[in-house]
N, C-alpha and C. Protein backbone atom coordinates (compact mmCIF):
# COMPACT_ATOMS: atom_id res chain seq x y z
N MET A 1 -47.79 98.65 40.50
CA MET A 1 -46.91 97.68 39.89
C MET A 1 -45.77 98.43 39.19
N THR A 2 -44.58 97.94 39.34
CA THR A 2 -43.43 98.53 38.67
C THR A 2 -42.95 97.64 37.53
N ASP A 3 -42.28 98.27 36.58
CA ASP A 3 -41.72 97.51 35.46
C ASP A 3 -40.30 97.06 35.73
N ALA A 4 -39.58 97.81 36.59
CA ALA A 4 -38.18 97.47 36.88
C ALA A 4 -37.78 98.11 38.20
N SER A 5 -36.79 97.54 38.84
CA SER A 5 -36.28 98.13 40.08
C SER A 5 -35.22 99.16 39.75
N ILE A 6 -34.89 100.00 40.70
CA ILE A 6 -33.86 101.02 40.51
C ILE A 6 -32.51 100.38 40.18
N ASP A 7 -32.30 99.17 40.64
CA ASP A 7 -31.05 98.45 40.33
C ASP A 7 -30.95 98.06 38.86
N ALA A 8 -32.08 97.98 38.17
CA ALA A 8 -32.09 97.47 36.80
C ALA A 8 -32.17 98.56 35.74
N VAL A 9 -32.19 99.83 36.13
CA VAL A 9 -32.34 100.91 35.15
C VAL A 9 -31.20 101.91 35.24
N LYS A 10 -31.03 102.65 34.14
CA LYS A 10 -30.03 103.72 34.07
C LYS A 10 -30.73 104.98 33.59
N ALA A 11 -30.26 106.12 34.03
CA ALA A 11 -30.90 107.39 33.70
C ALA A 11 -30.97 107.63 32.20
N ASP A 12 -29.97 107.18 31.45
CA ASP A 12 -29.97 107.44 30.01
C ASP A 12 -31.02 106.63 29.24
N GLN A 13 -31.74 105.77 29.93
CA GLN A 13 -32.82 105.00 29.31
C GLN A 13 -34.14 105.76 29.32
N PHE A 14 -34.18 106.94 29.94
CA PHE A 14 -35.42 107.68 30.14
C PHE A 14 -35.29 109.12 29.68
N ASP A 15 -36.44 109.72 29.36
CA ASP A 15 -36.49 111.13 28.96
C ASP A 15 -36.90 112.03 30.11
N ALA A 16 -37.58 111.50 31.10
CA ALA A 16 -38.10 112.32 32.21
C ALA A 16 -38.32 111.47 33.45
N VAL A 17 -38.43 112.16 34.58
CA VAL A 17 -38.76 111.52 35.85
C VAL A 17 -40.02 112.19 36.39
N VAL A 18 -40.99 111.41 36.79
CA VAL A 18 -42.21 111.92 37.42
C VAL A 18 -42.25 111.35 38.83
N ILE A 19 -42.27 112.24 39.81
CA ILE A 19 -42.35 111.81 41.21
C ILE A 19 -43.77 112.07 41.69
N PRO A 20 -44.47 111.03 42.10
CA PRO A 20 -45.88 111.15 42.47
C PRO A 20 -46.07 111.92 43.78
N GLY A 21 -47.28 112.32 44.01
CA GLY A 21 -47.61 112.97 45.28
C GLY A 21 -47.87 111.93 46.36
N GLY A 22 -48.29 112.39 47.53
CA GLY A 22 -48.58 111.49 48.63
C GLY A 22 -47.35 111.19 49.46
N SER A 23 -47.37 110.07 50.15
CA SER A 23 -46.25 109.73 51.04
C SER A 23 -45.08 109.09 50.30
N SER A 24 -45.29 108.63 49.09
CA SER A 24 -44.22 107.99 48.33
C SER A 24 -43.00 108.88 48.12
N PRO A 25 -43.14 110.17 47.82
CA PRO A 25 -41.95 111.00 47.62
C PRO A 25 -41.00 111.02 48.82
N GLU A 26 -41.53 110.92 50.01
CA GLU A 26 -40.67 110.90 51.20
C GLU A 26 -39.79 109.65 51.19
N ASN A 27 -40.36 108.52 50.85
CA ASN A 27 -39.57 107.28 50.76
C ASN A 27 -38.54 107.38 49.65
N LEU A 28 -38.91 107.97 48.52
CA LEU A 28 -37.97 108.14 47.42
C LEU A 28 -36.84 109.10 47.80
N ARG A 29 -37.18 110.18 48.47
CA ARG A 29 -36.21 111.20 48.84
C ARG A 29 -35.12 110.63 49.74
N LEU A 30 -35.45 109.66 50.55
CA LEU A 30 -34.50 109.08 51.50
C LEU A 30 -33.65 107.96 50.89
N ASN A 31 -33.98 107.54 49.68
CA ASN A 31 -33.27 106.43 49.04
C ASN A 31 -32.07 106.96 48.26
N LYS A 32 -30.86 106.55 48.62
CA LYS A 32 -29.63 107.04 47.98
C LYS A 32 -29.58 106.68 46.49
N GLN A 33 -30.08 105.52 46.12
CA GLN A 33 -30.07 105.13 44.71
C GLN A 33 -31.00 106.03 43.89
N ILE A 34 -32.14 106.37 44.44
CA ILE A 34 -33.08 107.27 43.77
C ILE A 34 -32.46 108.66 43.66
N GLN A 35 -31.81 109.11 44.72
CA GLN A 35 -31.15 110.42 44.68
C GLN A 35 -30.13 110.47 43.54
N GLN A 36 -29.32 109.43 43.40
CA GLN A 36 -28.32 109.41 42.35
C GLN A 36 -28.97 109.35 40.97
N PHE A 37 -30.03 108.57 40.85
CA PHE A 37 -30.75 108.46 39.58
C PHE A 37 -31.26 109.83 39.14
N VAL A 38 -31.86 110.58 40.06
CA VAL A 38 -32.39 111.90 39.73
C VAL A 38 -31.24 112.86 39.38
N LYS A 39 -30.14 112.80 40.10
CA LYS A 39 -28.98 113.62 39.75
C LYS A 39 -28.48 113.27 38.35
N ASP A 40 -28.42 112.00 38.03
CA ASP A 40 -27.98 111.57 36.71
C ASP A 40 -28.95 112.06 35.63
N MET A 41 -30.23 112.03 35.92
CA MET A 41 -31.23 112.53 34.98
C MET A 41 -31.04 114.03 34.75
N ASP A 42 -30.70 114.74 35.79
CA ASP A 42 -30.53 116.19 35.69
C ASP A 42 -29.31 116.58 34.87
N SER A 43 -28.33 115.71 34.85
CA SER A 43 -27.10 116.05 34.09
C SER A 43 -27.16 115.55 32.71
């Protein structure tokens, strides 16, 4: 269950990103919105 979609959050609302193991990271890696979110978190 998720609390919010990627469309509803901004990187500055969080302190860290945790990417789970398994097949989910592959789906996340291919998502352009997730890629931008992680880049924003890194900066």
